[in-house]
Amino acid sequence: MRSAVVFFSLTYLVSRSFFAAAAAISDGTASQPSGL
């Protein structure tokens, strides 16, 4: 049980970090093309 909690917690934290960084780079919009 502990390993499942570790897996889901780590997956959530890491994936949300990537998604938040992507949103910050694009300013939360998908329609404005930029160099980044």
PDB file of all heavy atoms in Angstrom:
ATOM      1  N   MET A   1       0.819  -1.199   0.000  1.00  0.00           N
ATOM      2  CA  MET A   1       0.000   0.000   0.000  1.00  0.00           C
ATOM      3  C   MET A   1       0.859   1.258   0.000  1.00  0.00           C
ATOM      4  O   MET A   1       0.558   2.213  -0.689  1.00  0.00           O
ATOM      5  CB  MET A   1      -0.928  -0.042   1.220  1.00  0.00           C
ATOM      6  CG  MET A   1      -1.805   1.153   1.351  1.00  0.00           C
ATOM      7  SD  MET A   1      -3.007   1.162   0.023  1.00  0.00           S
ATOM      8  CE  MET A   1      -3.990   2.505   0.488  1.00  0.00           C
ATOM      9  N   ARG A   2       1.936   1.211   0.769  1.00  0.00           N
ATOM     10  CA  ARG A   2       2.802   2.379   0.863  1.00  0.00           C
ATOM     11  C   ARG A   2       3.430   2.702  -0.490  1.00  0.00           C
ATOM     12  O   ARG A   2       3.558   3.873  -0.853  1.00  0.00           O
ATOM     13  CB  ARG A   2       3.896   2.141   1.901  1.00  0.00           C
ATOM     14  CG  ARG A   2       4.801   3.335   2.078  1.00  0.00           C
ATOM     15  CD  ARG A   2       5.841   3.090   3.173  1.00  0.00           C
ATOM     16  NE  ARG A   2       6.631   4.253   3.406  1.00  0.00           N
ATOM     17  CZ  ARG A   2       7.781   4.517   2.773  1.00  0.00           C
ATOM     18  NH1 ARG A   2       8.241   3.690   1.873  1.00  0.00           N
ATOM     19  NH2 ARG A   2       8.451   5.608   3.039  1.00  0.00           N
ATOM     20  N   SER A   3       3.801   1.677  -1.254  1.00  0.00           N
ATOM     21  CA  SER A   3       4.433   1.928  -2.541  1.00  0.00           C
ATOM     22  C   SER A   3       3.457   2.575  -3.528  1.00  0.00           C
ATOM     23  O   SER A   3       3.857   3.397  -4.347  1.00  0.00           O
ATOM     24  CB  SER A   3       4.997   0.638  -3.128  1.00  0.00           C
ATOM     25  OG  SER A   3       3.968  -0.316  -3.304  1.00  0.00           O
ATOM     26  N   ALA A   4       2.177   2.233  -3.440  1.00  0.00           N
ATOM     27  CA  ALA A   4       1.186   2.863  -4.310  1.00  0.00           C
ATOM     28  C   ALA A   4       1.022   4.338  -3.958  1.00  0.00           C
ATOM     29  O   ALA A   4       0.910   5.187  -4.849  1.00  0.00           O
ATOM     30  CB  ALA A   4      -0.148   2.135  -4.202  1.00  0.00           C
ATOM     31  N   VAL A   5       1.031   4.642  -2.679  1.00  0.00           N
ATOM     32  CA  VAL A   5       0.908   6.035  -2.241  1.00  0.00           C
ATOM     33  C   VAL A   5       2.124   6.835  -2.714  1.00  0.00           C
ATOM     34  O   VAL A   5       1.985   7.966  -3.200  1.00  0.00           O
ATOM     35  CB  VAL A   5       0.735   6.116  -0.710  1.00  0.00           C
ATOM     36  CG1 VAL A   5       0.832   7.548  -0.223  1.00  0.00           C
ATOM     37  CG2 VAL A   5      -0.580   5.489  -0.290  1.00  0.00           C
ATOM     38  N   VAL A   6       3.301   6.252  -2.585  1.00  0.00           N
ATOM     39  CA  VAL A   6       4.525   6.926  -3.049  1.00  0.00           C
ATOM     40  C   VAL A   6       4.458   7.154  -4.552  1.00  0.00           C
ATOM     41  O   VAL A   6       4.759   8.248  -5.041  1.00  0.00           O
ATOM     42  CB  VAL A   6       5.782   6.102  -2.663  1.00  0.00           C
ATOM     43  CG1 VAL A   6       7.023   6.654  -3.349  1.00  0.00           C
ATOM     44  CG2 VAL A   6       5.966   6.075  -1.161  1.00  0.00           C
ATOM     45  N   PHE A   7       4.044   6.137  -5.299  1.00  0.00           N
ATOM     46  CA  PHE A   7       3.958   6.263  -6.752  1.00  0.00           C
ATOM     47  C   PHE A   7       2.995   7.382  -7.154  1.00  0.00           C
ATOM     48  O   PHE A   7       3.345   8.255  -7.946  1.00  0.00           O
ATOM     49  CB  PHE A   7       3.522   4.942  -7.395  1.00  0.00           C
ATOM     50  CG  PHE A   7       3.198   5.069  -8.855  1.00  0.00           C
ATOM     51  CD1 PHE A   7       4.201   5.192  -9.792  1.00  0.00           C
ATOM     52  CD2 PHE A   7       1.879   5.105  -9.280  1.00  0.00           C
ATOM     53  CE1 PHE A   7       3.904   5.337 -11.141  1.00  0.00           C
ATOM     54  CE2 PHE A   7       1.566   5.249 -10.623  1.00  0.00           C
ATOM     55  CZ  PHE A   7       2.584   5.363 -11.555  1.00  0.00           C
ATOM     56  N   PHE A   8       1.777   7.352  -6.628  1.00  0.00           N
ATOM     57  CA  PHE A   8       0.789   8.355  -7.024  1.00  0.00           C
ATOM     58  C   PHE A   8       1.180   9.759  -6.556  1.00  0.00           C
ATOM     59  O   PHE A   8       0.978  10.734  -7.283  1.00  0.00           O
ATOM     60  CB  PHE A   8      -0.599   7.975  -6.526  1.00  0.00           C
ATOM     61  CG  PHE A   8      -1.212   6.860  -7.322  1.00  0.00           C
ATOM     62  CD1 PHE A   8      -1.439   5.631  -6.743  1.00  0.00           C
ATOM     63  CD2 PHE A   8      -1.551   7.034  -8.656  1.00  0.00           C
ATOM     64  CE1 PHE A   8      -1.999   4.592  -7.484  1.00  0.00           C
ATOM     65  CE2 PHE A   8      -2.108   6.008  -9.397  1.00  0.00           C
ATOM     66  CZ  PHE A   8      -2.335   4.785  -8.803  1.00  0.00           C
ATOM     67  N   SER A   9       1.746   9.877  -5.384  1.00  0.00           N
ATOM     68  CA  SER A   9       2.173  11.186  -4.885  1.00  0.00           C
ATOM     69  C   SER A   9       3.292  11.762  -5.731  1.00  0.00           C
ATOM     70  O   SER A   9       3.257  12.929  -6.141  1.00  0.00           O
ATOM     71  CB  SER A   9       2.636  11.081  -3.431  1.00  0.00           C
ATOM     72  OG  SER A   9       1.599  10.646  -2.614  1.00  0.00           O
ATOM     73  N   LEU A  10       4.292  10.945  -5.999  1.00  0.00           N
ATOM     74  CA  LEU A  10       5.428  11.397  -6.805  1.00  0.00           C
ATOM     75  C   LEU A  10       4.989  11.727  -8.233  1.00  0.00           C
ATOM     76  O   LEU A  10       5.414  12.739  -8.805  1.00  0.00           O
ATOM     77  CB  LEU A  10       6.521  10.324  -6.800  1.00  0.00           C
ATOM     78  CG  LEU A  10       7.900  10.726  -7.250  1.00  0.00           C
ATOM     79  CD1 LEU A  10       8.417  11.903  -6.438  1.00  0.00           C
ATOM     80  CD2 LEU A  10       8.847   9.552  -7.133  1.00  0.00           C
ATOM     81  N   THR A  11       4.138  10.888  -8.790  1.00  0.00           N
ATOM     82  CA  THR A  11       3.636  11.145 -10.139  1.00  0.00           C
ATOM     83  C   THR A  11       2.864  12.460 -10.193  1.00  0.00           C
ATOM     84  O   THR A  11       3.049  13.262 -11.109  1.00  0.00           O
ATOM     85  CB  THR A  11       2.740   9.986 -10.603  1.00  0.00           C
ATOM     86  OG1 THR A  11       3.516   8.787 -10.647  1.00  0.00           O
ATOM     87  CG2 THR A  11       2.168  10.249 -11.975  1.00  0.00           C
ATOM     88  N   TYR A  12       2.008  12.679  -9.219  1.00  0.00           N
ATOM     89  CA  TYR A  12       1.219  13.915  -9.177  1.00  0.00           C
ATOM     90  C   TYR A  12       2.130  15.140  -9.075  1.00  0.00           C
ATOM     91  O   TYR A  12       1.982  16.103  -9.844  1.00  0.00           O
ATOM     92  CB  TYR A  12       0.241  13.883  -8.009  1.00  0.00           C
ATOM     93  CG  TYR A  12      -0.605  15.119  -7.904  1.00  0.00           C
ATOM     94  CD1 TYR A  12      -1.720  15.282  -8.716  1.00  0.00           C
ATOM     95  CD2 TYR A  12      -0.280  16.138  -7.017  1.00  0.00           C
ATOM     96  CE1 TYR A  12      -2.497  16.431  -8.634  1.00  0.00           C
ATOM     97  CE2 TYR A  12      -1.050  17.277  -6.929  1.00  0.00           C
ATOM     98  CZ  TYR A  12      -2.153  17.414  -7.737  1.00  0.00           C
ATOM     99  OH  TYR A  12      -2.910  18.554  -7.660  1.00  0.00           O
ATOM    100  N   LEU A  13       3.074  15.101  -8.150  1.00  0.00           N
ATOM    101  CA  LEU A  13       3.947  16.261  -7.943  1.00  0.00           C
ATOM    102  C   LEU A  13       4.802  16.563  -9.165  1.00  0.00           C
ATOM    103  O   LEU A  13       4.923  17.726  -9.580  1.00  0.00           O
ATOM    104  CB  LEU A  13       4.834  16.029  -6.724  1.00  0.00           C
ATOM    105  CG  LEU A  13       4.125  16.041  -5.377  1.00  0.00           C
ATOM    106  CD1 LEU A  13       5.077  15.611  -4.270  1.00  0.00           C
ATOM    107  CD2 LEU A  13       3.570  17.419  -5.096  1.00  0.00           C
ATOM    108  N   VAL A  14       5.400  15.542  -9.746  1.00  0.00           N
ATOM    109  CA  VAL A  14       6.294  15.767 -10.884  1.00  0.00           C
ATOM    110  C   VAL A  14       5.504  16.205 -12.114  1.00  0.00           C
ATOM    111  O   VAL A  14       5.882  17.171 -12.789  1.00  0.00           O
ATOM    112  CB  VAL A  14       7.139  14.496 -11.170  1.00  0.00           C
ATOM    113  CG1 VAL A  14       7.947  14.653 -12.438  1.00  0.00           C
ATOM    114  CG2 VAL A  14       8.048  14.186  -9.996  1.00  0.00           C
ATOM    115  N   SER A  15       4.397  15.511 -12.410  1.00  0.00           N
ATOM    116  CA  SER A  15       3.640  15.875 -13.610  1.00  0.00           C
ATOM    117  C   SER A  15       3.033  17.275 -13.478  1.00  0.00           C
ATOM    118  O   SER A  15       3.052  18.051 -14.435  1.00  0.00           O
ATOM    119  CB  SER A  15       2.551  14.842 -13.902  1.00  0.00           C
ATOM    120  OG  SER A  15       1.586  14.823 -12.884  1.00  0.00           O
ATOM    121  N   ARG A  16       2.520  17.609 -12.315  1.00  0.00           N
ATOM    122  CA  ARG A  16       1.960  18.949 -12.122  1.00  0.00           C
ATOM    123  C   ARG A  16       3.031  20.028 -12.229  1.00  0.00           C
ATOM    124  O   ARG A  16       2.754  21.134 -12.690  1.00  0.00           O
ATOM    125  CB  ARG A  16       1.237  19.060 -10.779  1.00  0.00           C
ATOM    126  CG  ARG A  16      -0.014  18.251 -10.721  1.00  0.00           C
ATOM    127  CD  ARG A  16      -0.997  18.707 -11.771  1.00  0.00           C
ATOM    128  NE  ARG A  16      -2.042  17.705 -11.930  1.00  0.00           N
ATOM    129  CZ  ARG A  16      -2.973  17.748 -12.854  1.00  0.00           C
ATOM    130  NH1 ARG A  16      -3.011  18.732 -13.709  1.00  0.00           N
ATOM    131  NH2 ARG A  16      -3.859  16.787 -12.949  1.00  0.00           N
ATOM    132  N   SER A  17       4.249  19.704 -11.826  1.00  0.00           N
ATOM    133  CA  SER A  17       5.349  20.662 -11.975  1.00  0.00           C
ATOM    134  C   SER A  17       5.620  20.938 -13.446  1.00  0.00           C
ATOM    135  O   SER A  17       5.802  22.098 -13.853  1.00  0.00           O
ATOM    136  CB  SER A  17       6.609  20.133 -11.301  1.00  0.00           C
ATOM    137  OG  SER A  17       6.401  19.978  -9.928  1.00  0.00           O
ATOM    138  N   PHE A  18       5.651  19.880 -14.257  1.00  0.00           N
ATOM    139  CA  PHE A  18       5.858  20.062 -15.695  1.00  0.00           C
ATOM    140  C   PHE A  18       4.705  20.850 -16.314  1.00  0.00           C
ATOM    141  O   PHE A  18       4.915  21.757 -17.124  1.00  0.00           O
ATOM    142  CB  PHE A  18       6.001  18.722 -16.413  1.00  0.00           C
ATOM    143  CG  PHE A  18       7.332  18.049 -16.193  1.00  0.00           C
ATOM    144  CD1 PHE A  18       7.387  16.713 -15.831  1.00  0.00           C
ATOM    145  CD2 PHE A  18       8.518  18.732 -16.360  1.00  0.00           C
ATOM    146  CE1 PHE A  18       8.604  16.078 -15.634  1.00  0.00           C
ATOM    147  CE2 PHE A  18       9.743  18.118 -16.169  1.00  0.00           C
ATOM    148  CZ  PHE A  18       9.782  16.790 -15.801  1.00  0.00           C
ATOM    149  N   PHE A  19       3.463  20.501 -15.948  1.00  0.00           N
ATOM    150  CA  PHE A  19       2.312  21.193 -16.512  1.00  0.00           C
ATOM    151  C   PHE A  19       2.269  22.658 -16.082  1.00  0.00           C
ATOM    152  O   PHE A  19       1.932  23.542 -16.877  1.00  0.00           O
ATOM    153  CB  PHE A  19       1.010  20.497 -16.115  1.00  0.00           C
ATOM    154  CG  PHE A  19       0.848  19.122 -16.726  1.00  0.00           C
ATOM    155  CD1 PHE A  19       0.223  18.119 -16.015  1.00  0.00           C
ATOM    156  CD2 PHE A  19       1.301  18.839 -18.000  1.00  0.00           C
ATOM    157  CE1 PHE A  19       0.051  16.850 -16.565  1.00  0.00           C
ATOM    158  CE2 PHE A  19       1.148  17.583 -18.562  1.00  0.00           C
ATOM    159  CZ  PHE A  19       0.520  16.590 -17.847  1.00  0.00           C
ATOM    160  N   ALA A  20       2.627  22.938 -14.842  1.00  0.00           N
ATOM    161  CA  ALA A  20       2.649  24.327 -14.360  1.00  0.00           C
ATOM    162  C   ALA A  20       3.725  25.133 -15.071  1.00  0.00           C
ATOM    163  O   ALA A  20       3.500  26.302 -15.430  1.00  0.00           O
ATOM    164  CB  ALA A  20       2.866  24.358 -12.852  1.00  0.00           C
ATOM    165  N   ALA A  21       4.883  24.523 -15.289  1.00  0.00           N
ATOM    166  CA  ALA A  21       5.949  25.223 -16.000  1.00  0.00           C
ATOM    167  C   ALA A  21       5.535  25.508 -17.440  1.00  0.00           C
ATOM    168  O   ALA A  21       5.790  26.605 -17.965  1.00  0.00           O
ATOM    169  CB  ALA A  21       7.233  24.397 -15.975  1.00  0.00           C
ATOM    170  N   ALA A  22       4.876  24.552 -18.084  1.00  0.00           N
ATOM    171  CA  ALA A  22       4.404  24.768 -19.453  1.00  0.00           C
ATOM    172  C   ALA A  22       3.363  25.875 -19.501  1.00  0.00           C
ATOM    173  O   ALA A  22       3.370  26.713 -20.412  1.00  0.00           O
ATOM    174  CB  ALA A  22       3.826  23.470 -20.025  1.00  0.00           C
ATOM    175  N   ALA A  23       2.476  25.903 -18.528  1.00  0.00           N
ATOM    176  CA  ALA A  23       1.461  26.959 -18.482  1.00  0.00           C
ATOM    177  C   ALA A  23       2.091  28.324 -18.228  1.00  0.00           C
ATOM    178  O   ALA A  23       1.661  29.335 -18.802  1.00  0.00           O
ATOM    179  CB  ALA A  23       0.430  26.647 -17.400  1.00  0.00           C
ATOM    180  N   ALA A  24       3.112  28.365 -17.375  1.00  0.00           N
ATOM    181  CA  ALA A  24       3.783  29.632 -17.091  1.00  0.00           C
ATOM    182  C   ALA A  24       4.507  30.154 -18.333  1.00  0.00           C
ATOM    183  O   ALA A  24       4.502  31.366 -18.600  1.00  0.00           O
ATOM    184  CB  ALA A  24       4.760  29.460 -15.938  1.00  0.00           C
ATOM    185  N   ILE A  25       5.103  29.251 -19.087  1.00  0.00           N
ATOM    186  CA  ILE A  25       5.818  29.665 -20.301  1.00  0.00           C
ATOM    187  C   ILE A  25       4.840  30.216 -21.333  1.00  0.00           C
ATOM    188  O   ILE A  25       5.103  31.223 -21.987  1.00  0.00           O
ATOM    189  CB  ILE A  25       6.633  28.493 -20.885  1.00  0.00           C
ATOM    190  CG1 ILE A  25       7.849  28.226 -19.993  1.00  0.00           C
ATOM    191  CG2 ILE A  25       7.058  28.767 -22.314  1.00  0.00           C
ATOM    192  CD1 ILE A  25       8.631  27.000 -20.370  1.00  0.00           C
ATOM    193  N   SER A  26       3.702  29.555 -21.480  1.00  0.00           N
ATOM    194  CA  SER A  26       2.741  29.989 -22.501  1.00  0.00           C
ATOM    195  C   SER A  26       1.739  31.006 -21.967  1.00  0.00           C
ATOM    196  O   SER A  26       0.795  31.355 -22.668  1.00  0.00           O
ATOM    197  CB  SER A  26       1.990  28.776 -23.057  1.00  0.00           C
ATOM    198  OG  SER A  26       1.198  28.191 -22.050  1.00  0.00           O
ATOM    199  N   ASP A  27       1.917  31.458 -20.738  1.00  0.00           N
ATOM    200  CA  ASP A  27       1.014  32.418 -20.093  1.00  0.00           C
ATOM    201  C   ASP A  27      -0.418  31.895 -20.012  1.00  0.00           C
ATOM    202  O   ASP A  27      -1.372  32.663 -20.044  1.00  0.00           O
ATOM    203  CB  ASP A  27       1.028  33.764 -20.806  1.00  0.00           C
ATOM    204  CG  ASP A  27       2.352  34.491 -20.638  1.00  0.00           C
ATOM    205  OD1 ASP A  27       2.994  34.318 -19.585  1.00  0.00           O
ATOM    206  OD2 ASP A  27       2.737  35.218 -21.572  1.00  0.00           O
ATOM    207  N   GLY A  28      -0.560  30.578 -19.971  1.00  0.00           N
ATOM    208  CA  GLY A  28      -1.875  29.973 -19.816  1.00  0.00           C
ATOM    209  C   GLY A  28      -2.725  29.960 -21.066  1.00  0.00           C
ATOM    210  O   GLY A  28      -3.875  29.566 -21.026  1.00  0.00           O
ATOM    211  N   THR A  29      -2.168  30.382 -22.208  1.00  0.00           N
ATOM    212  CA  THR A  29      -2.937  30.373 -23.449  1.00  0.00           C
ATOM    213  C   THR A  29      -2.248  29.478 -24.464  1.00  0.00           C
ATOM    214  O   THR A  29      -1.023  29.405 -24.525  1.00  0.00           O
ATOM    215  CB  THR A  29      -3.060  31.782 -24.050  1.00  0.00           C
ATOM    216  OG1 THR A  29      -1.754  32.258 -24.370  1.00  0.00           O
ATOM    217  CG2 THR A  29      -3.737  32.738 -23.094  1.00  0.00           C
ATOM    218  N   ALA A  30      -3.036  28.803 -25.261  1.00  0.00           N
ATOM    219  CA  ALA A  30      -2.477  27.940 -26.287  1.00  0.00           C
ATOM    220  C   ALA A  30      -2.490  28.606 -27.658  1.00  0.00           C
ATOM    221  O   ALA A  30      -1.951  28.075 -28.612  1.00  0.00           O
ATOM    222  CB  ALA A  30      -3.253  26.629 -26.347  1.00  0.00           C
ATOM    223  N   SER A  31      -3.091  29.777 -27.768  1.00  0.00           N
ATOM    224  CA  SER A  31      -3.287  30.390 -29.078  1.00  0.00           C
ATOM    225  C   SER A  31      -2.160  31.330 -29.499  1.00  0.00           C
ATOM    226  O   SER A  31      -2.042  31.648 -30.663  1.00  0.00           O
ATOM    227  CB  SER A  31      -4.607  31.155 -29.100  1.00  0.00           C
ATOM    228  OG  SER A  31      -4.571  32.189 -28.147  1.00  0.00           O
ATOM    229  N   GLN A  32      -1.332  31.779 -28.563  1.00  0.00           N
ATOM    230  CA  GLN A  32      -0.286  32.735 -28.907  1.00  0.00           C
ATOM    231  C   GLN A  32       1.038  32.009 -29.159  1.00  0.00           C
ATOM    232  O   GLN A  32       1.675  31.529 -28.228  1.00  0.00           O
ATOM    233  CB  GLN A  32      -0.081  33.741 -27.785  1.00  0.00           C
ATOM    234  CG  GLN A  32      -1.274  34.625 -27.543  1.00  0.00           C
ATOM    235  CD  GLN A  32      -1.023  35.574 -26.390  1.00  0.00           C
ATOM    236  OE1 GLN A  32      -0.035  35.475 -25.687  1.00  0.00           O
ATOM    237  NE2 GLN A  32      -1.936  36.501 -26.200  1.00  0.00           N
ATOM    238  N   PRO A  33       1.456  31.916 -30.406  1.00  0.00           N
ATOM    239  CA  PRO A  33       2.743  31.281 -30.675  1.00  0.00           C
ATOM    240  C   PRO A  33       3.887  32.181 -30.203  1.00  0.00           C
ATOM    241  O   PRO A  33       3.836  33.395 -30.339  1.00  0.00           O
ATOM    242  CB  PRO A  33       2.758  31.104 -32.192  1.00  0.00           C
ATOM    243  CG  PRO A  33       1.785  32.098 -32.715  1.00  0.00           C
ATOM    244  CD  PRO A  33       0.777  32.335 -31.624  1.00  0.00           C
ATOM    245  N   SER A  34       4.878  31.566 -29.626  1.00  0.00           N
ATOM    246  CA  SER A  34       6.046  32.321 -29.189  1.00  0.00           C
ATOM    247  C   SER A  34       7.282  31.483 -29.452  1.00  0.00           C
ATOM    248  O   SER A  34       7.200  30.331 -29.861  1.00  0.00           O
ATOM    249  CB  SER A  34       5.946  32.671 -27.702  1.00  0.00           C
ATOM    250  OG  SER A  34       6.078  31.499 -26.929  1.00  0.00           O
ATOM    251  N   GLY A  35       8.423  32.043 -29.187  1.00  0.00           N
ATOM    252  CA  GLY A  35       9.671  31.325 -29.369  1.00  0.00           C
ATOM    253  C   GLY A  35       9.852  30.193 -28.377  1.00  0.00           C
ATOM    254  O   GLY A  35      10.662  29.307 -28.571  1.00  0.00           O
ATOM    255  N   LEU A  36       9.085  30.221 -27.286  1.00  0.00           N
ATOM    256  CA  LEU A  36       9.207  29.188 -26.261  1.00  0.00           C
ATOM    257  C   LEU A  36       8.198  28.056 -26.433  1.00  0.00           C
ATOM    258  O   LEU A  36       8.114  27.167 -25.594  1.00  0.00           O
ATOM    259  CB  LEU A  36       9.039  29.816 -24.878  1.00  0.00           C
ATOM    260  CG  LEU A  36      10.092  30.856 -24.497  1.00  0.00           C
ATOM    261  CD1 LEU A  36       9.751  31.491 -23.161  1.00  0.00           C
ATOM    262  CD2 LEU A  36      11.468  30.223 -24.446  1.00  0.00           C
TER     263      LEU A  36
END
